[in-house]
Amino acid sequence: ISRDNAKNTVYLQMNGLKPEDTAVYYCNVVTYWDNYWGQGT
C-alpha cells in the first residue's frame, strides 16, 4: 500500500495474485469526522 497525500490518492500494488484474492476491493478513508468508502472494483 502507498499513498500520495498531495493528490489524496491511495494505491495497492498486488503481486503474486492467487485465486483466493478474487473479490471486490473497496477503498476506505477515515477522518476525525467521517468514514468514506469507494464503490468497489
PDB file of all heavy atoms in Angstrom:
ATOM      1  N   ILE A   1       0.849  -1.187   0.000  1.00  0.00           N
ATOM      2  CA  ILE A   1       0.000   0.000   0.000  1.00  0.00           C
ATOM      3  C   ILE A   1       0.884   1.236   0.000  1.00  0.00           C
ATOM      4  O   ILE A   1       1.957   1.262   0.616  1.00  0.00           O
ATOM      5  CB  ILE A   1      -0.959   0.006   1.204  1.00  0.00           C
ATOM      6  CG1 ILE A   1      -2.000   1.120   1.071  1.00  0.00           C
ATOM      7  CG2 ILE A   1      -0.203   0.101   2.523  1.00  0.00           C
ATOM      8  CD1 ILE A   1      -3.125   1.022   2.099  1.00  0.00           C
ATOM      9  N   SER A   2       0.453   2.257  -0.737  1.00  0.00           N
ATOM     10  CA  SER A   2       1.173   3.521  -0.757  1.00  0.00           C
ATOM     11  C   SER A   2       0.160   4.645  -0.944  1.00  0.00           C
ATOM     12  O   SER A   2      -1.002   4.396  -1.291  1.00  0.00           O
ATOM     13  CB  SER A   2       2.216   3.546  -1.873  1.00  0.00           C
ATOM     14  OG  SER A   2       1.600   3.389  -3.139  1.00  0.00           O
ATOM     15  N   ARG A   3       0.620   5.867  -0.700  1.00  0.00           N
ATOM     16  CA  ARG A   3      -0.303   6.991  -0.783  1.00  0.00           C
ATOM     17  C   ARG A   3       0.408   8.217  -1.312  1.00  0.00           C
ATOM     18  O   ARG A   3       1.622   8.364  -1.163  1.00  0.00           O
ATOM     19  CB  ARG A   3      -0.924   7.285   0.577  1.00  0.00           C
ATOM     20  CG  ARG A   3       0.093   7.647   1.637  1.00  0.00           C
ATOM     21  CD  ARG A   3      -0.513   7.574   3.020  1.00  0.00           C
ATOM     22  NE  ARG A   3      -1.439   8.659   3.290  1.00  0.00           N
ATOM     23  CZ  ARG A   3      -2.143   8.768   4.403  1.00  0.00           C
ATOM     24  NH1 ARG A   3      -2.054   7.835   5.328  1.00  0.00           N
ATOM     25  NH2 ARG A   3      -2.951   9.790   4.590  1.00  0.00           N
ATOM     26  N   ASP A   4      -0.365   9.091  -1.915  1.00  0.00           N
ATOM     27  CA  ASP A   4       0.115  10.399  -2.363  1.00  0.00           C
ATOM     28  C   ASP A   4      -0.762  11.428  -1.660  1.00  0.00           C
ATOM     29  O   ASP A   4      -1.904  11.658  -2.061  1.00  0.00           O
ATOM     30  CB  ASP A   4      -0.004  10.512  -3.882  1.00  0.00           C
ATOM     31  CG  ASP A   4       0.584  11.798  -4.426  1.00  0.00           C
ATOM     32  OD1 ASP A   4       0.582  12.808  -3.689  1.00  0.00           O
ATOM     33  OD2 ASP A   4       1.026  11.803  -5.573  1.00  0.00           O
ATOM     34  N   ASN A   5      -0.233  12.006  -0.606  1.00  0.00           N
ATOM     35  CA  ASN A   5      -1.046  12.922   0.202  1.00  0.00           C
ATOM     36  C   ASN A   5      -1.473  14.157  -0.590  1.00  0.00           C
ATOM     37  O   ASN A   5      -2.581  14.662  -0.400  1.00  0.00           O
ATOM     38  CB  ASN A   5      -0.269  13.348   1.446  1.00  0.00           C
ATOM     39  CG  ASN A   5      -0.122  12.223   2.434  1.00  0.00           C
ATOM     40  OD1 ASN A   5      -0.998  11.362   2.556  1.00  0.00           O
ATOM     41  ND2 ASN A   5       0.992  12.200   3.147  1.00  0.00           N
ATOM     42  N   ALA A   6      -0.605  14.625  -1.460  1.00  0.00           N
ATOM     43  CA  ALA A   6      -0.934  15.817  -2.233  1.00  0.00           C
ATOM     44  C   ALA A   6      -2.139  15.578  -3.139  1.00  0.00           C
ATOM     45  O   ALA A   6      -2.906  16.496  -3.423  1.00  0.00           O
ATOM     46  CB  ALA A   6       0.267  16.251  -3.054  1.00  0.00           C
ATOM     47  N   LYS A   7      -2.282  14.352  -3.591  1.00  0.00           N
ATOM     48  CA  LYS A   7      -3.384  14.021  -4.503  1.00  0.00           C
ATOM     49  C   LYS A   7      -4.537  13.323  -3.796  1.00  0.00           C
ATOM     50  O   LYS A   7      -5.517  12.957  -4.446  1.00  0.00           O
ATOM     51  CB  LYS A   7      -2.863  13.125  -5.630  1.00  0.00           C
ATOM     52  CG  LYS A   7      -1.824  13.771  -6.532  1.00  0.00           C
ATOM     53  CD  LYS A   7      -1.394  12.812  -7.633  1.00  0.00           C
ATOM     54  CE  LYS A   7      -0.382  13.449  -8.555  1.00  0.00           C
ATOM     55  NZ  LYS A   7       0.072  12.518  -9.634  1.00  0.00           N
ATOM     56  N   ASN A   8      -4.418  13.129  -2.479  1.00  0.00           N
ATOM     57  CA  ASN A   8      -5.456  12.379  -1.767  1.00  0.00           C
ATOM     58  C   ASN A   8      -5.746  11.051  -2.458  1.00  0.00           C
ATOM     59  O   ASN A   8      -6.913  10.689  -2.680  1.00  0.00           O
ATOM     60  CB  ASN A   8      -6.746  13.202  -1.659  1.00  0.00           C
ATOM     61  CG  ASN A   8      -6.789  14.049  -0.410  1.00  0.00           C
ATOM     62  OD1 ASN A   8      -7.765  14.727  -0.129  1.00  0.00           O
ATOM     63  ND2 ASN A   8      -5.721  14.037   0.368  1.00  0.00           N
ATOM     64  N   THR A   9      -4.681  10.357  -2.789  1.00  0.00           N
ATOM     65  CA  THR A   9      -4.803   9.104  -3.532  1.00  0.00           C
ATOM     66  C   THR A   9      -4.079   8.001  -2.776  1.00  0.00           C
ATOM     67  O   THR A   9      -3.007   8.229  -2.207  1.00  0.00           O
ATOM     68  CB  THR A   9      -4.211   9.252  -4.944  1.00  0.00           C
ATOM     69  OG1 THR A   9      -4.907  10.301  -5.634  1.00  0.00           O
ATOM     70  CG2 THR A   9      -4.355   7.963  -5.734  1.00  0.00           C
ATOM     71  N   VAL A  10      -4.664   6.822  -2.788  1.00  0.00           N
ATOM     72  CA  VAL A  10      -4.035   5.659  -2.179  1.00  0.00           C
ATOM     73  C   VAL A  10      -3.993   4.547  -3.218  1.00  0.00           C
ATOM     74  O   VAL A  10      -4.909   4.414  -4.035  1.00  0.00           O
ATOM     75  CB  VAL A  10      -4.787   5.215  -0.902  1.00  0.00           C
ATOM     76  CG1 VAL A  10      -6.217   4.811  -1.201  1.00  0.00           C
ATOM     77  CG2 VAL A  10      -4.039   4.113  -0.182  1.00  0.00           C
ATOM     78  N   TYR A  11      -2.913   3.786  -3.192  1.00  0.00           N
ATOM     79  CA  TYR A  11      -2.685   2.742  -4.173  1.00  0.00           C
ATOM     80  C   TYR A  11      -2.522   1.387  -3.474  1.00  0.00           C
ATOM     81  O   TYR A  11      -2.146   1.314  -2.306  1.00  0.00           O
ATOM     82  CB  TYR A  11      -1.415   3.028  -4.977  1.00  0.00           C
ATOM     83  CG  TYR A  11      -1.381   4.383  -5.630  1.00  0.00           C
ATOM     84  CD1 TYR A  11      -0.760   5.451  -4.997  1.00  0.00           C
ATOM     85  CD2 TYR A  11      -1.961   4.598  -6.871  1.00  0.00           C
ATOM     86  CE1 TYR A  11      -0.720   6.712  -5.589  1.00  0.00           C
ATOM     87  CE2 TYR A  11      -1.931   5.847  -7.473  1.00  0.00           C
ATOM     88  CZ  TYR A  11      -1.309   6.895  -6.824  1.00  0.00           C
ATOM     89  OH  TYR A  11      -1.280   8.140  -7.418  1.00  0.00           O
ATOM     90  N   LEU A  12      -2.769   0.344  -4.229  1.00  0.00           N
ATOM     91  CA  LEU A  12      -2.500  -1.009  -3.743  1.00  0.00           C
ATOM     92  C   LEU A  12      -1.848  -1.779  -4.879  1.00  0.00           C
ATOM     93  O   LEU A  12      -2.507  -2.100  -5.876  1.00  0.00           O
ATOM     94  CB  LEU A  12      -3.786  -1.714  -3.291  1.00  0.00           C
ATOM     95  CG  LEU A  12      -3.570  -3.086  -2.654  1.00  0.00           C
ATOM     96  CD1 LEU A  12      -2.849  -2.937  -1.306  1.00  0.00           C
ATOM     97  CD2 LEU A  12      -4.905  -3.810  -2.458  1.00  0.00           C
ATOM     98  N   GLN A  13      -0.558  -2.044  -4.722  1.00  0.00           N
ATOM     99  CA  GLN A  13       0.160  -2.864  -5.698  1.00  0.00           C
ATOM    100  C   GLN A  13       0.026  -4.317  -5.274  1.00  0.00           C
ATOM    101  O   GLN A  13       0.414  -4.677  -4.155  1.00  0.00           O
ATOM    102  CB  GLN A  13       1.634  -2.467  -5.753  1.00  0.00           C
ATOM    103  CG  GLN A  13       2.463  -3.303  -6.692  1.00  0.00           C
ATOM    104  CD  GLN A  13       2.075  -3.120  -8.147  1.00  0.00           C
ATOM    105  OE1 GLN A  13       1.858  -1.995  -8.603  1.00  0.00           O
ATOM    106  NE2 GLN A  13       1.991  -4.219  -8.896  1.00  0.00           N
ATOM    107  N   MET A  14      -0.523  -5.129  -6.153  1.00  0.00           N
ATOM    108  CA  MET A  14      -0.780  -6.529  -5.835  1.00  0.00           C
ATOM    109  C   MET A  14       0.042  -7.414  -6.769  1.00  0.00           C
ATOM    110  O   MET A  14      -0.168  -7.392  -7.984  1.00  0.00           O
ATOM    111  CB  MET A  14      -2.267  -6.837  -5.985  1.00  0.00           C
ATOM    112  CG  MET A  14      -3.166  -5.937  -5.159  1.00  0.00           C
ATOM    113  SD  MET A  14      -4.914  -6.403  -5.217  1.00  0.00           S
ATOM    114  CE  MET A  14      -5.290  -6.081  -6.939  1.00  0.00           C
ATOM    115  N   ASN A  15       0.974  -8.137  -6.192  1.00  0.00           N
ATOM    116  CA  ASN A  15       1.818  -9.063  -6.945  1.00  0.00           C
ATOM    117  C   ASN A  15       1.550 -10.491  -6.495  1.00  0.00           C
ATOM    118  O   ASN A  15       1.014 -10.712  -5.404  1.00  0.00           O
ATOM    119  CB  ASN A  15       3.290  -8.728  -6.742  1.00  0.00           C
ATOM    120  CG  ASN A  15       3.656  -7.336  -7.216  1.00  0.00           C
ATOM    121  OD1 ASN A  15       3.090  -6.824  -8.184  1.00  0.00           O
ATOM    122  ND2 ASN A  15       4.593  -6.713  -6.522  1.00  0.00           N
ATOM    123  N   GLY A  16       1.930 -11.446  -7.310  1.00  0.00           N
ATOM    124  CA  GLY A  16       1.745 -12.834  -6.934  1.00  0.00           C
ATOM    125  C   GLY A  16       0.303 -13.180  -6.627  1.00  0.00           C
ATOM    126  O   GLY A  16       0.020 -13.904  -5.668  1.00  0.00           O
ATOM    127  N   LEU A  17      -0.609 -12.686  -7.443  1.00  0.00           N
ATOM    128  CA  LEU A  17      -2.031 -12.871  -7.152  1.00  0.00           C
ATOM    129  C   LEU A  17      -2.435 -14.341  -7.196  1.00  0.00           C
ATOM    130  O   LEU A  17      -1.909 -15.124  -8.012  1.00  0.00           O
ATOM    131  CB  LEU A  17      -2.868 -12.052  -8.127  1.00  0.00           C
ATOM    132  CG  LEU A  17      -2.926 -10.556  -7.789  1.00  0.00           C
ATOM    133  CD1 LEU A  17      -3.340  -9.733  -8.991  1.00  0.00           C
ATOM    134  CD2 LEU A  17      -3.869 -10.317  -6.624  1.00  0.00           C
ATOM    135  N   LYS A  18      -3.359 -14.679  -6.299  1.00  0.00           N
ATOM    136  CA  LYS A  18      -3.860 -16.047  -6.164  1.00  0.00           C
ATOM    137  C   LYS A  18      -5.367 -16.055  -6.395  1.00  0.00           C
ATOM    138  O   LYS A  18      -6.026 -15.032  -6.184  1.00  0.00           O
ATOM    139  CB  LYS A  18      -3.554 -16.578  -4.772  1.00  0.00           C
ATOM    140  CG  LYS A  18      -2.094 -16.534  -4.369  1.00  0.00           C
ATOM    141  CD  LYS A  18      -1.916 -16.980  -2.926  1.00  0.00           C
ATOM    142  CE  LYS A  18      -0.455 -16.930  -2.509  1.00  0.00           C
ATOM    143  NZ  LYS A  18      -0.263 -17.355  -1.087  1.00  0.00           N
ATOM    144  N   PRO A  19      -5.918 -17.190  -6.787  1.00  0.00           N
ATOM    145  CA  PRO A  19      -7.382 -17.247  -6.961  1.00  0.00           C
ATOM    146  C   PRO A  19      -8.146 -16.797  -5.717  1.00  0.00           C
ATOM    147  O   PRO A  19      -9.213 -16.181  -5.843  1.00  0.00           O
ATOM    148  CB  PRO A  19      -7.630 -18.725  -7.281  1.00  0.00           C
ATOM    149  CG  PRO A  19      -6.363 -19.172  -7.935  1.00  0.00           C
ATOM    150  CD  PRO A  19      -5.261 -18.428  -7.218  1.00  0.00           C
ATOM    151  N   GLU A  20      -7.611 -17.054  -4.543  1.00  0.00           N
ATOM    152  CA  GLU A  20      -8.298 -16.644  -3.319  1.00  0.00           C
ATOM    153  C   GLU A  20      -8.276 -15.142  -3.077  1.00  0.00           C
ATOM    154  O   GLU A  20      -8.904 -14.662  -2.134  1.00  0.00           O
ATOM    155  CB  GLU A  20      -7.720 -17.384  -2.102  1.00  0.00           C
ATOM    156  CG  GLU A  20      -6.216 -17.312  -1.983  1.00  0.00           C
ATOM    157  CD  GLU A  20      -5.533 -18.542  -2.556  1.00  0.00           C
ATOM    158  OE1 GLU A  20      -5.928 -19.000  -3.661  1.00  0.00           O
ATOM    159  OE2 GLU A  20      -4.578 -19.040  -1.921  1.00  0.00           O
ATOM    160  N   ASP A  21      -7.546 -14.410  -3.904  1.00  0.00           N
ATOM    161  CA  ASP A  21      -7.583 -12.947  -3.829  1.00  0.00           C
ATOM    162  C   ASP A  21      -8.782 -12.370  -4.591  1.00  0.00           C
ATOM    163  O   ASP A  21      -9.021 -11.161  -4.538  1.00  0.00           O
ATOM    164  CB  ASP A  21      -6.300 -12.344  -4.413  1.00  0.00           C
ATOM    165  CG  ASP A  21      -5.070 -12.685  -3.600  1.00  0.00           C
ATOM    166  OD1 ASP A  21      -5.153 -12.629  -2.356  1.00  0.00           O
ATOM    167  OD2 ASP A  21      -4.028 -13.001  -4.213  1.00  0.00           O
ATOM    168  N   THR A  22      -9.509 -13.218  -5.282  1.00  0.00           N
ATOM    169  CA  THR A  22     -10.678 -12.762  -6.031  1.00  0.00           C
ATOM    170  C   THR A  22     -11.714 -12.169  -5.092  1.00  0.00           C
ATOM    171  O   THR A  22     -12.119 -12.797  -4.117  1.00  0.00           O
ATOM    172  CB  THR A  22     -11.295 -13.929  -6.820  1.00  0.00           C
ATOM    173  OG1 THR A  22     -10.370 -14.370  -7.810  1.00  0.00           O
ATOM    174  CG2 THR A  22     -12.596 -13.514  -7.486  1.00  0.00           C
ATOM    175  N   ALA A  23     -12.099 -10.931  -5.364  1.00  0.00           N
ATOM    176  CA  ALA A  23     -13.044 -10.223  -4.502  1.00  0.00           C
ATOM    177  C   ALA A  23     -13.330  -8.845  -5.100  1.00  0.00           C
ATOM    178  O   ALA A  23     -12.669  -8.426  -6.054  1.00  0.00           O
ATOM    179  CB  ALA A  23     -12.471 -10.052  -3.098  1.00  0.00           C
ATOM    180  N   VAL A  24     -14.289  -8.176  -4.501  1.00  0.00           N
ATOM    181  CA  VAL A  24     -14.475  -6.754  -4.770  1.00  0.00           C
ATOM    182  C   VAL A  24     -13.623  -5.991  -3.758  1.00  0.00           C
ATOM    183  O   VAL A  24     -13.730  -6.235  -2.550  1.00  0.00           O
ATOM    184  CB  VAL A  24     -15.943  -6.333  -4.662  1.00  0.00           C
ATOM    185  CG1 VAL A  24     -16.086  -4.834  -4.893  1.00  0.00           C
ATOM    186  CG2 VAL A  24     -16.800  -7.116  -5.649  1.00  0.00           C
ATOM    187  N   TYR A  25     -12.783  -5.108  -4.261  1.00  0.00           N
ATOM    188  CA  TYR A  25     -11.883  -4.343  -3.416  1.00  0.00           C
ATOM    189  C   TYR A  25     -12.437  -2.932  -3.217  1.00  0.00           C
ATOM    190  O   TYR A  25     -12.793  -2.250  -4.193  1.00  0.00           O
ATOM    191  CB  TYR A  25     -10.496  -4.299  -4.040  1.00  0.00           C
ATOM    192  CG  TYR A  25      -9.745  -5.590  -3.881  1.00  0.00           C
ATOM    193  CD1 TYR A  25     -10.146  -6.742  -4.556  1.00  0.00           C
ATOM    194  CD2 TYR A  25      -8.652  -5.695  -3.022  1.00  0.00           C
ATOM    195  CE1 TYR A  25      -9.482  -7.945  -4.393  1.00  0.00           C
ATOM    196  CE2 TYR A  25      -7.970  -6.893  -2.850  1.00  0.00           C
ATOM    197  CZ  TYR A  25      -8.384  -8.013  -3.543  1.00  0.00           C
ATOM    198  OH  TYR A  25      -7.724  -9.204  -3.374  1.00  0.00           O
ATOM    199  N   TYR A  26     -12.467  -2.511  -1.951  1.00  0.00           N
ATOM    200  CA  TYR A  26     -13.028  -1.215  -1.585  1.00  0.00           C
ATOM    201  C   TYR A  26     -11.961  -0.321  -0.966  1.00  0.00           C
ATOM    202  O   TYR A  26     -11.203  -0.756  -0.092  1.00  0.00           O
ATOM    203  CB  TYR A  26     -14.161  -1.380  -0.583  1.00  0.00           C
ATOM    204  CG  TYR A  26     -15.345  -2.143  -1.095  1.00  0.00           C
ATOM    205  CD1 TYR A  26     -15.443  -3.522  -0.939  1.00  0.00           C
ATOM    206  CD2 TYR A  26     -16.398  -1.482  -1.727  1.00  0.00           C
ATOM    207  CE1 TYR A  26     -16.532  -4.224  -1.404  1.00  0.00           C
ATOM    208  CE2 TYR A  26     -17.501  -2.181  -2.197  1.00  0.00           C
ATOM    209  CZ  TYR A  26     -17.559  -3.551  -2.038  1.00  0.00           C
ATOM    210  OH  TYR A  26     -18.650  -4.243  -2.497  1.00  0.00           O
ATOM    211  N   CYS A  27     -11.960   0.908  -1.397  1.00  0.00           N
ATOM    212  CA  CYS A  27     -11.100   1.920  -0.817  1.00  0.00           C
ATOM    213  C   CYS A  27     -11.809   2.539   0.392  1.00  0.00           C
ATOM    214  O   CYS A  27     -13.033   2.702   0.377  1.00  0.00           O
ATOM    215  CB  CYS A  27     -10.822   2.983  -1.864  1.00  0.00           C
ATOM    216  SG  CYS A  27      -9.911   4.410  -1.300  1.00  0.00           S
ATOM    217  N   ASN A  28     -11.040   2.902   1.412  1.00  0.00           N
ATOM    218  CA  ASN A  28     -11.601   3.478   2.634  1.00  0.00           C
ATOM    219  C   ASN A  28     -10.727   4.617   3.128  1.00  0.00           C
ATOM    220  O   ASN A  28      -9.494   4.499   3.128  1.00  0.00           O
ATOM    221  CB  ASN A  28     -11.707   2.393   3.707  1.00  0.00           C
ATOM    222  CG  ASN A  28     -12.141   2.924   5.056  1.00  0.00           C
ATOM    223  OD1 ASN A  28     -11.366   2.946   6.005  1.00  0.00           O
ATOM    224  ND2 ASN A  28     -13.382   3.348   5.149  1.00  0.00           N
ATOM    225  N   VAL A  29     -11.355   5.699   3.509  1.00  0.00           N
ATOM    226  CA  VAL A  29     -10.646   6.835   4.111  1.00  0.00           C
ATOM    227  C   VAL A  29     -11.361   7.209   5.406  1.00  0.00           C
ATOM    228  O   VAL A  29     -12.578   7.450   5.393  1.00  0.00           O
ATOM    229  CB  VAL A  29     -10.603   8.052   3.169  1.00  0.00           C
ATOM    230  CG1 VAL A  29      -9.979   9.249   3.882  1.00  0.00           C
ATOM    231  CG2 VAL A  29      -9.810   7.720   1.908  1.00  0.00           C
ATOM    232  N   VAL A  30     -10.612   7.242   6.481  1.00  0.00           N
ATOM    233  CA  VAL A  30     -11.160   7.584   7.793  1.00  0.00           C
ATOM    234  C   VAL A  30     -10.583   8.922   8.229  1.00  0.00           C
ATOM    235  O   VAL A  30      -9.365   9.110   8.228  1.00  0.00           O
ATOM    236  CB  VAL A  30     -10.820   6.507   8.838  1.00  0.00           C
ATOM    237  CG1 VAL A  30     -11.371   6.910  10.206  1.00  0.00           C
ATOM    238  CG2 VAL A  30     -11.368   5.154   8.412  1.00  0.00           C
ATOM    239  N   THR A  31     -11.474   9.858   8.563  1.00  0.00           N
ATOM    240  CA  THR A  31     -11.037  11.135   9.096  1.00  0.00           C
ATOM    241  C   THR A  31     -11.497  11.263  10.539  1.00  0.00           C
ATOM    242  O   THR A  31     -12.116  10.362  11.095  1.00  0.00           O
ATOM    243  CB  THR A  31     -11.607  12.302   8.268  1.00  0.00           C
ATOM    244  OG1 THR A  31     -13.009  12.447   8.561  1.00  0.00           O
ATOM    245  CG2 THR A  31     -11.419  12.061   6.776  1.00  0.00           C
ATOM    246  N   TYR A  32     -11.229  12.400  11.132  1.00  0.00           N
ATOM    247  CA  TYR A  32     -11.681  12.638  12.502  1.00  0.00           C
ATOM    248  C   TYR A  32     -13.207  12.686  12.579  1.00  0.00           C
ATOM    249  O   TYR A  32     -13.791  12.503  13.654  1.00  0.00           O
ATOM    250  CB  TYR A  32     -11.109  13.943  13.027  1.00  0.00           C
ATOM    251  CG  TYR A  32      -9.613  13.911  13.253  1.00  0.00           C
ATOM    252  CD1 TYR A  32      -8.749  14.598  12.412  1.00  0.00           C
ATOM    253  CD2 TYR A  32      -9.066  13.187  14.303  1.00  0.00           C
ATOM    254  CE1 TYR A  32      -7.383  14.569  12.612  1.00  0.00           C
ATOM    255  CE2 TYR A  32      -7.693  13.153  14.510  1.00  0.00           C
ATOM    256  CZ  TYR A  32      -6.863  13.841  13.655  1.00  0.00           C
ATOM    257  OH  TYR A  32      -5.508  13.814  13.854  1.00  0.00           O
ATOM    258  N   TRP A  33     -13.849  12.969  11.450  1.00  0.00           N
ATOM    259  CA  TRP A  33     -15.283  13.191  11.469  1.00  0.00           C
ATOM    260  C   TRP A  33     -16.090  12.206  10.635  1.00  0.00           C
ATOM    261  O   TRP A  33     -17.290  12.040  10.857  1.00  0.00           O
ATOM    262  CB  TRP A  33     -15.590  14.614  10.946  1.00  0.00           C
ATOM    263  CG  TRP A  33     -14.717  15.641  11.553  1.00  0.00           C
ATOM    264  CD1 TRP A  33     -14.875  16.206  12.768  1.00  0.00           C
ATOM    265  CD2 TRP A  33     -13.542  16.214  10.982  1.00  0.00           C
ATOM    266  NE1 TRP A  33     -13.849  17.102  12.991  1.00  0.00           N
ATOM    267  CE2 TRP A  33     -13.024  17.132  11.913  1.00  0.00           C
ATOM    268  CE3 TRP A  33     -12.863  16.047   9.768  1.00  0.00           C
ATOM    269  CZ2 TRP A  33     -11.879  17.878  11.691  1.00  0.00           C
ATOM    270  CZ3 TRP A  33     -11.720  16.780   9.533  1.00  0.00           C
ATOM    271  CH2 TRP A  33     -11.237  17.690  10.492  1.00  0.00           C
ATOM    272  N   ASP A  34     -15.451  11.589   9.636  1.00  0.00           N
ATOM    273  CA  ASP A  34     -16.207  10.794   8.666  1.00  0.00           C
ATOM    274  C   ASP A  34     -15.466   9.511   8.317  1.00  0.00           C
ATOM    275  O   ASP A  34     -14.271   9.351   8.573  1.00  0.00           O
ATOM    276  CB  ASP A  34     -16.454  11.597   7.383  1.00  0.00           C
ATOM    277  CG  ASP A  34     -17.432  12.716   7.576  1.00  0.00           C
ATOM    278  OD1 ASP A  34     -18.616  12.423   7.860  1.00  0.00           O
ATOM    279  OD2 ASP A  34     -17.024  13.884   7.460  1.00  0.00           O
ATOM    280  N   ASN A  35     -16.216   8.635   7.657  1.00  0.00           N
ATOM    281  CA  ASN A  35     -15.677   7.374   7.175  1.00  0.00           C
ATOM    282  C   ASN A  35     -16.191   7.197   5.741  1.00  0.00           C
ATOM    283  O   ASN A  35     -17.393   7.031   5.538  1.00  0.00           O
ATOM    284  CB  ASN A  35     -16.152   6.228   8.065  1.00  0.00           C
ATOM    285  CG  ASN A  35     -15.476   4.916   7.735  1.00  0.00           C
ATOM    286  OD1 ASN A  35     -14.585   4.840   6.900  1.00  0.00           O
ATOM    287  ND2 ASN A  35     -15.911   3.846   8.388  1.00  0.00           N
ATOM    288  N   TYR A  36     -15.284   7.267   4.766  1.00  0.00           N
ATOM    289  CA  TYR A  36     -15.681   7.236   3.364  1.00  0.00           C
ATOM    290  C   TYR A  36     -15.332   5.885   2.737  1.00  0.00           C
ATOM    291  O   TYR A  36     -14.294   5.301   3.042  1.00  0.00           O
ATOM    292  CB  TYR A  36     -14.955   8.328   2.564  1.00  0.00           C
ATOM    293  CG  TYR A  36     -15.220   9.727   3.042  1.00  0.00           C
ATOM    294  CD1 TYR A  36     -14.293  10.396   3.832  1.00  0.00           C
ATOM    295  CD2 TYR A  36     -16.395  10.388   2.695  1.00  0.00           C
ATOM    296  CE1 TYR A  36     -14.510  11.683   4.263  1.00  0.00           C
ATOM    297  CE2 TYR A  36     -16.629  11.686   3.126  1.00  0.00           C
ATOM    298  CZ  TYR A  36     -15.680  12.325   3.907  1.00  0.00           C
ATOM    299  OH  TYR A  36     -15.919  13.612   4.335  1.00  0.00           O
ATOM    300  N   TRP A  37     -16.210   5.441   1.826  1.00  0.00           N
ATOM    301  CA  TRP A  37     -15.981   4.198   1.095  1.00  0.00           C
ATOM    302  C   TRP A  37     -16.127   4.447  -0.403  1.00  0.00           C
ATOM    303  O   TRP A  37     -16.984   5.230  -0.830  1.00  0.00           O
ATOM    304  CB  TRP A  37     -16.996   3.132   1.516  1.00  0.00           C
ATOM    305  CG  TRP A  37     -16.790   2.607   2.897  1.00  0.00           C
ATOM    306  CD1 TRP A  37     -17.383   3.035   4.037  1.00  0.00           C
ATOM    307  CD2 TRP A  37     -15.917   1.533   3.281  1.00  0.00           C
ATOM    308  NE1 TRP A  37     -16.925   2.303   5.111  1.00  0.00           N
ATOM    309  CE2 TRP A  37     -16.026   1.375   4.675  1.00  0.00           C
ATOM    310  CE3 TRP A  37     -15.044   0.690   2.576  1.00  0.00           C
ATOM    311  CZ2 TRP A  37     -15.306   0.404   5.382  1.00  0.00           C
ATOM    312  CZ3 TRP A  37     -14.336  -0.264   3.285  1.00  0.00           C
ATOM    313  CH2 TRP A  37     -14.468  -0.399   4.661  1.00  0.00           C
ATOM    314  N   GLY A  38     -15.317   3.745  -1.174  1.00  0.00           N
ATOM    315  CA  GLY A  38     -15.481   3.755  -2.612  1.00  0.00           C
ATOM    316  C   GLY A  38     -16.560   2.777  -3.033  1.00  0.00           C
ATOM    317  O   GLY A  38     -17.110   2.045  -2.211  1.00  0.00           O
ATOM    318  N   GLN A  39     -16.821   2.742  -4.331  1.00  0.00           N
ATOM    319  CA  GLN A  39     -17.899   1.904  -4.844  1.00  0.00           C
ATOM    320  C   GLN A  39     -17.448   0.464  -5.069  1.00  0.00           C
ATOM    321  O   GLN A  39     -18.278  -0.423  -5.267  1.00  0.00           O
ATOM    322  CB  GLN A  39     -18.445   2.479  -6.161  1.00  0.00           C
ATOM    323  CG  GLN A  39     -17.603   2.178  -7.399  1.00  0.00           C
ATOM    324  CD  GLN A  39     -16.317   2.968  -7.487  1.00  0.00           C
ATOM    325  OE1 GLN A  39     -16.039   3.852  -6.664  1.00  0.00           O
ATOM    326  NE2 GLN A  39     -15.510   2.679  -8.510  1.00  0.00           N
ATOM    327  N   GLY A  40     -16.154   0.250  -5.031  1.00  0.00           N
ATOM    328  CA  GLY A  40     -15.613  -1.089  -5.205  1.00  0.00           C
ATOM    329  C   GLY A  40     -15.151  -1.351  -6.630  1.00  0.00           C
ATOM    330  O   GLY A  40     -15.733  -0.834  -7.589  1.00  0.00           O
ATOM    331  N   THR A  41     -14.103  -2.156  -6.744  1.00  0.00           N
ATOM    332  CA  THR A  41     -13.609  -2.577  -8.052  1.00  0.00           C
ATOM    333  C   THR A  41     -13.340  -4.083  -8.003  1.00  0.00           C
ATOM    334  O   THR A  41     -12.767  -4.585  -7.036  1.00  0.00           O
ATOM    335  CB  THR A  41     -12.348  -1.792  -8.460  1.00  0.00           C
ATOM    336  OG1 THR A  41     -11.954  -2.163  -9.785  1.00  0.00           O
ATOM    337  CG2 THR A  41     -11.177  -2.040  -7.510  1.00  0.00           C
TER     338      THR A  41
END
